[in-house]
Protein backbone atom coordinates (compact mmCIF):
# COMPACT_ATOMS: atom_id res chain seq x y z
CA MET A 1 14.73 -6.34 -16.50
CA THR A 2 13.37 -9.20 -14.42
CA LYS A 3 14.02 -10.08 -10.83
CA ASN A 4 13.65 -13.43 -9.12
CA TYR A 5 12.29 -13.33 -5.60
CA SER A 6 14.61 -14.59 -2.87
CA GLU A 7 14.19 -14.72 0.88
CA ASP A 8 16.97 -12.16 1.44
CA GLN A 9 15.44 -9.67 -0.97
CA HIS A 10 13.02 -8.28 1.57
CA ASN A 11 11.87 -9.20 5.05
CA PHE A 12 8.09 -8.86 4.85
CA GLU A 13 7.67 -9.79 8.50
CA ASP A 14 9.40 -6.54 9.40
CA ASP A 15 7.19 -4.31 7.23
CA ASP A 16 6.32 -1.18 9.17
CA LEU A 17 4.30 1.84 8.13
CA THR A 18 6.90 4.01 9.89
CA ASN A 19 9.45 3.04 7.20
CA SER A 20 10.08 5.99 4.89
CA THR A 21 9.88 3.95 1.67
CA ILE A 22 8.25 0.76 0.43
CA ASP A 23 8.15 -1.22 -2.80
CA PHE A 24 5.76 -0.27 -5.58
CA GLY A 25 6.69 -2.94 -8.07
CA TYR A 26 10.45 -2.58 -8.41
CA GLN A 27 10.39 1.07 -7.40
CA GLN A 28 10.87 2.37 -3.88
CA VAL A 29 8.27 5.04 -3.11
CA PRO A 30 7.33 6.99 0.03
CA THR A 31 5.26 4.65 2.18
CA GLU A 32 2.39 7.11 2.49
CA LYS A 33 2.07 7.34 -1.32
CA LYS A 34 1.82 3.64 -2.19
CA GLN A 35 -1.92 3.32 -1.54
CA GLY A 36 -2.67 6.22 -3.87
CA LEU A 37 -0.41 4.78 -6.58
CA VAL A 38 -2.12 1.39 -6.36
CA GLU A 39 -5.53 3.07 -6.52
CA THR A 40 -4.45 4.87 -9.70
CA VAL A 41 -3.41 1.57 -11.28
CA PHE A 42 -6.74 -0.13 -10.55
CA ARG A 43 -8.84 2.85 -11.59
CA SER A 44 -6.97 2.74 -14.88
CA VAL A 45 -7.49 -0.99 -15.48
CA ALA A 46 -10.97 -1.41 -13.94
CA ASN A 47 -13.04 -1.30 -17.13
CA ARG A 48 -10.82 -3.88 -18.83
CA TYR A 49 -10.01 -5.90 -15.71
CA ASP A 50 -12.13 -8.97 -16.45
CA ILE A 51 -11.20 -9.31 -20.11
CA MET A 52 -7.54 -8.80 -19.26
CA ASN A 53 -7.74 -11.56 -16.63
CA ASP A 54 -9.03 -13.95 -19.30
CA LEU A 55 -6.36 -12.91 -21.80
CA MET A 56 -3.45 -12.86 -19.33
CA SER A 57 -4.20 -16.27 -17.83
CA LEU A 58 -5.76 -17.87 -20.93
CA GLY A 59 -8.86 -18.29 -18.76
CA ILE A 60 -7.05 -20.33 -16.09
CA HIS A 61 -7.90 -17.74 -13.42
CA ARG A 62 -11.44 -19.10 -13.49
CA TYR A 63 -10.19 -22.54 -12.46
CA TRP A 64 -8.00 -21.01 -9.70
CA LYS A 65 -10.98 -19.12 -8.26
CA LYS A 66 -13.43 -22.02 -8.53
CA HIS A 67 -10.92 -24.32 -6.82
CA THR A 68 -10.45 -21.75 -4.05
CA ALA A 69 -14.21 -21.57 -3.53
CA THR A 70 -14.33 -25.36 -3.26
CA ILE A 71 -11.55 -25.39 -0.66
CA ALA A 72 -13.40 -22.68 1.29
CA ARG A 73 -16.18 -25.19 2.11
CA ILE A 74 -18.86 -22.53 2.58
CA LYS A 75 -22.01 -23.65 4.43
CA PRO A 76 -25.51 -22.17 4.31
CA GLY A 77 -25.76 -19.41 6.89
CA ASP A 78 -22.03 -18.54 6.90
CA TYR A 79 -20.96 -14.91 7.19
CA ILE A 80 -18.18 -14.29 4.64
CA LEU A 81 -15.78 -11.42 3.98
CA ASP A 82 -14.36 -11.11 0.46
CA ILE A 83 -11.77 -8.36 0.93
CA ALA A 84 -10.08 -6.84 -2.12
CA GLY A 85 -12.98 -8.56 -3.85
CA GLY A 86 -12.76 -6.37 -6.94
CA THR A 87 -15.18 -7.43 -9.63
CA ALA A 88 -16.84 -10.02 -7.37
CA ASP A 89 -15.71 -13.30 -8.91
CA MET A 90 -15.19 -14.93 -5.50
CA THR A 91 -18.23 -13.20 -3.98
CA ARG A 92 -20.52 -14.77 -6.57
CA TYR A 93 -19.29 -18.26 -5.66
CA PHE A 94 -19.68 -17.56 -1.96
CA ALA A 95 -23.13 -15.97 -2.23
CA LYS A 96 -24.52 -19.03 -3.98
CA ASP A 97 -23.18 -21.29 -1.21
CA THR A 98 -24.28 -19.23 1.80
CA GLY A 99 -27.89 -19.23 0.68
CA ASP A 100 -30.57 -16.87 1.94
CA THR A 101 -29.55 -17.35 5.58
CA GLY A 102 -25.95 -16.26 5.05
CA LYS A 103 -24.27 -13.03 4.05
CA VAL A 104 -21.24 -12.07 1.97
CA VAL A 105 -19.52 -8.73 2.40
CA LEU A 106 -17.81 -7.63 -0.81
CA ALA A 107 -15.16 -5.11 0.20
CA ASP A 108 -12.53 -3.28 -1.81
CA ILE A 109 -10.50 -0.14 -1.21
CA ASN A 110 -10.96 0.96 -4.83
CA ASP A 111 -14.31 2.53 -5.66
CA SER A 112 -14.04 1.83 -9.41
CA MET A 113 -13.49 -1.88 -8.86
CA LEU A 114 -16.18 -2.06 -6.20
CA GLN A 115 -18.75 -0.46 -8.51
CA LEU A 116 -18.03 -3.07 -11.16
CA GLY A 117 -18.37 -5.81 -8.57
CA ARG A 118 -21.67 -4.39 -7.32
CA ASN A 119 -23.06 -4.33 -10.87
CA LYS A 120 -22.07 -7.96 -11.45
CA ILE A 121 -23.73 -9.02 -8.21
CA ILE A 122 -26.97 -7.31 -9.25
CA ASP A 123 -26.81 -8.86 -12.73
CA ALA A 124 -26.32 -12.30 -11.15
CA GLY A 125 -29.41 -11.85 -8.98
CA LEU A 126 -27.41 -12.15 -5.75
CA ALA A 127 -27.90 -8.70 -4.28
CA ASN A 128 -30.13 -9.93 -1.44
CA ASN A 129 -27.33 -11.62 0.49
CA VAL A 130 -24.34 -9.46 -0.58
CA HIS A 131 -23.36 -6.21 1.09
CA CYS A 132 -20.80 -3.97 -0.66
CA ILE A 133 -18.51 -1.67 1.29
CA GLN A 134 -15.38 0.33 0.50
CA ALA A 135 -12.76 -0.77 3.01
CA ASN A 136 -9.02 -0.97 3.58
CA ALA A 137 -7.69 -4.44 4.44
CA GLU A 138 -5.23 -2.92 6.91
CA CYS A 139 -7.96 -1.42 9.10
CA LEU A 140 -11.18 -3.32 8.49
CA PRO A 141 -14.29 -1.49 9.73
CA PHE A 142 -15.89 -4.56 11.29
CA ALA A 143 -16.31 -5.79 14.86
CA ASP A 144 -14.06 -8.43 16.34
CA ASN A 145 -15.11 -12.05 15.74
CA SER A 146 -17.57 -11.24 12.94
CA PHE A 147 -16.87 -13.65 10.06
CA ASP A 148 -16.82 -17.40 9.57
CA LEU A 149 -14.42 -17.03 6.67
CA ALA A 150 -12.37 -14.25 5.12
CA CYS A 151 -10.93 -14.45 1.62
CA ILE A 152 -8.44 -12.22 -0.18
CA ALA A 153 -7.85 -13.21 -3.80
CA PHE A 154 -5.13 -11.51 -5.83
CA GLY A 155 -5.17 -8.53 -3.49
CA LEU A 156 -2.64 -9.07 -0.71
CA ARG A 157 0.37 -8.19 -2.88
CA ASN A 158 -1.05 -4.69 -3.42
CA VAL A 159 -1.50 -3.91 0.28
CA THR A 160 0.97 -1.43 1.75
CA ASN A 161 1.52 -3.29 5.02
CA LYS A 162 0.81 -6.98 4.53
CA GLN A 163 1.33 -7.99 8.15
CA GLN A 164 -1.06 -5.29 9.35
CA ALA A 165 -3.67 -6.58 6.90
CA LEU A 166 -3.23 -10.14 8.19
CA ASP A 167 -3.61 -8.89 11.77
CA SER A 168 -6.81 -7.07 10.79
CA LEU A 169 -8.21 -10.17 9.10
CA PHE A 170 -7.38 -12.29 12.14
CA ARG A 171 -9.22 -9.84 14.40
CA VAL A 172 -12.51 -9.91 12.46
CA LEU A 173 -12.65 -13.70 12.15
CA LYS A 174 -14.70 -15.67 14.64
CA PRO A 175 -12.99 -18.31 16.78
CA SER A 176 -12.67 -21.34 14.47
CA GLY A 177 -12.96 -18.92 11.54
CA ARG A 178 -10.78 -19.48 8.52
CA LEU A 179 -8.66 -17.29 6.25
CA ILE A 180 -8.04 -18.23 2.64
CA ILE A 181 -5.58 -16.37 0.42
CA LEU A 182 -5.37 -16.87 -3.34
CA GLU A 183 -2.32 -15.11 -4.75
CA PHE A 184 0.42 -15.32 -7.33
CA SER A 185 3.48 -17.02 -5.91
CA LYS A 186 6.82 -18.60 -6.87
CA PRO A 187 6.92 -21.32 -9.55
CA THR A 188 8.42 -24.56 -8.31
CA SER A 189 10.59 -25.31 -11.36
CA LYS A 190 13.43 -23.22 -12.82
CA LEU A 191 12.23 -23.85 -16.36
CA LEU A 192 8.71 -22.68 -15.55
CA SER A 193 10.15 -19.62 -13.78
CA LYS A 194 12.10 -18.65 -16.91
CA ILE A 195 9.07 -19.12 -19.16
CA TYR A 196 6.89 -17.20 -16.70
CA ASP A 197 9.37 -14.32 -16.48
CA THR A 198 9.58 -14.07 -20.26
CA TYR A 199 5.82 -13.96 -20.52
CA SER A 200 5.32 -11.55 -17.61
CA PHE A 201 7.84 -8.94 -18.67
CA ASN A 202 7.84 -9.18 -22.46
CA ILE A 203 4.31 -10.19 -23.43
CA LEU A 204 1.96 -9.19 -20.60
CA PRO A 205 2.72 -5.43 -20.71
CA GLU A 206 2.22 -5.47 -24.49
CA ILE A 207 -1.20 -7.11 -24.05
CA GLY A 208 -2.00 -4.35 -21.56
CA LYS A 209 -0.90 -1.72 -24.06
CA PHE A 210 -2.95 -3.22 -26.90
CA VAL A 211 -6.15 -4.13 -25.02
CA ALA A 212 -6.29 -1.61 -22.15
CA ASN A 213 -4.06 1.12 -23.61
CA ASP A 214 -2.07 0.95 -20.36
CA LYS A 215 1.33 -0.70 -20.51
CA PRO A 216 2.72 0.83 -17.26
CA SER A 217 -0.06 -0.59 -15.07
CA TYR A 218 0.55 -4.11 -16.32
CA GLN A 219 4.29 -3.66 -15.94
CA TYR A 220 3.59 -2.80 -12.28
CA LEU A 221 1.32 -5.83 -11.87
CA ALA A 222 4.08 -8.14 -13.15
CA GLU A 223 6.61 -6.53 -10.83
CA SER A 224 4.26 -6.69 -7.84
CA ILE A 225 3.97 -10.45 -8.29
CA ARG A 226 7.74 -10.87 -8.14
CA MET A 227 7.97 -8.71 -5.01
CA HIS A 228 5.29 -10.68 -3.16
CA PRO A 229 6.50 -13.13 -0.48
CA ASN A 230 6.91 -16.71 -1.64
CA GLN A 231 4.90 -19.64 -0.31
CA LYS A 232 7.00 -20.39 2.76
CA ILE A 233 7.41 -16.77 3.82
CA LEU A 234 3.69 -16.06 3.54
CA ALA A 235 2.96 -19.21 5.57
CA SER A 236 5.33 -17.98 8.28
CA MET A 237 3.58 -14.61 8.30
CA LEU A 238 0.25 -16.34 8.88
CA GLN A 239 1.75 -18.28 11.78
CA LYS A 240 3.19 -15.09 13.23
CA THR A 241 -0.28 -13.54 13.06
CA GLY A 242 -1.66 -16.34 15.22
CA PHE A 243 -3.24 -18.63 12.63
CA LYS A 244 -3.07 -22.36 13.29
CA THR A 245 -3.11 -25.29 10.86
CA VAL A 246 -1.44 -23.10 8.22
CA ASN A 247 -1.14 -24.81 4.85
CA TYR A 248 -0.62 -23.89 1.24
CA LYS A 249 -1.39 -25.60 -2.05
CA ASN A 250 0.37 -24.79 -5.31
CA LEU A 251 -1.65 -24.45 -8.49
CA THR A 252 -0.24 -24.44 -12.02
CA GLY A 253 3.25 -25.27 -10.86
CA GLY A 254 3.32 -22.65 -8.12
CA ILE A 255 2.42 -19.70 -10.35
CA VAL A 256 -0.47 -19.37 -7.91
CA ALA A 257 -0.81 -20.67 -4.36
CA ILE A 258 -3.75 -21.01 -1.97
CA HIS A 259 -2.84 -20.39 1.68
CA THR A 260 -5.23 -21.32 4.50
CA GLY A 261 -5.17 -20.68 8.23
CA LEU A 262 -7.47 -21.28 11.19
CA LYS A 263 -8.22 -18.89 14.06
CA ALA A 264 -8.27 -21.30 16.98
CA ASP A 265 -10.96 -21.19 19.68
């Protein structure tokens, strides 16, 4: 069964950790258990995560990430946070741009994903200006006003309390610091939505079963995309957080969107 996201389906701006249940894909689970369930999913898929990304997106995820890195406009000496950075695809772009005078913090709540990311950073010869830390986006362990830019790519939809994560990201950014979010979103055409739904719910889980021997995790990932706020709602959440000059750009017909926001002086 597929579901199309609509604005009346869920009010993300009212998410509250005191609620007794929260979405985990299409399921409602006790709020305090969602983080553990998401961790189980990513521990299960970690070793096949990169190859599955290539197969699921036909390699297009590489274009999405490279385009995001270009929009980020990293300068030498910048201090960057890549939260939910997983296997370090974005971190590697950022670390090359910050140069020896800058620093990138690769952070992820999942130790299995973080270990893979750390290994890729070492293999790429970028370990000197990358620091890896296990961290929760909802309660970042960094001082106020620390980073020139924070990025969360394909991670926000898995966070238990999205608004709390945005508040935490806002806190650790410097004045004039920027947030950039790369995430699956809502296709802009009805035809593309139908094609995308057919692929997501009939083909994607079977690829997960065949390649990663894990159909349920990829069923969850498809469902989590549909339950994520659409472009306009996420933009309004950024504005509520306090970000200025909030914009978004659709990629591949809105299958993915890049949201940006500025923490004003």
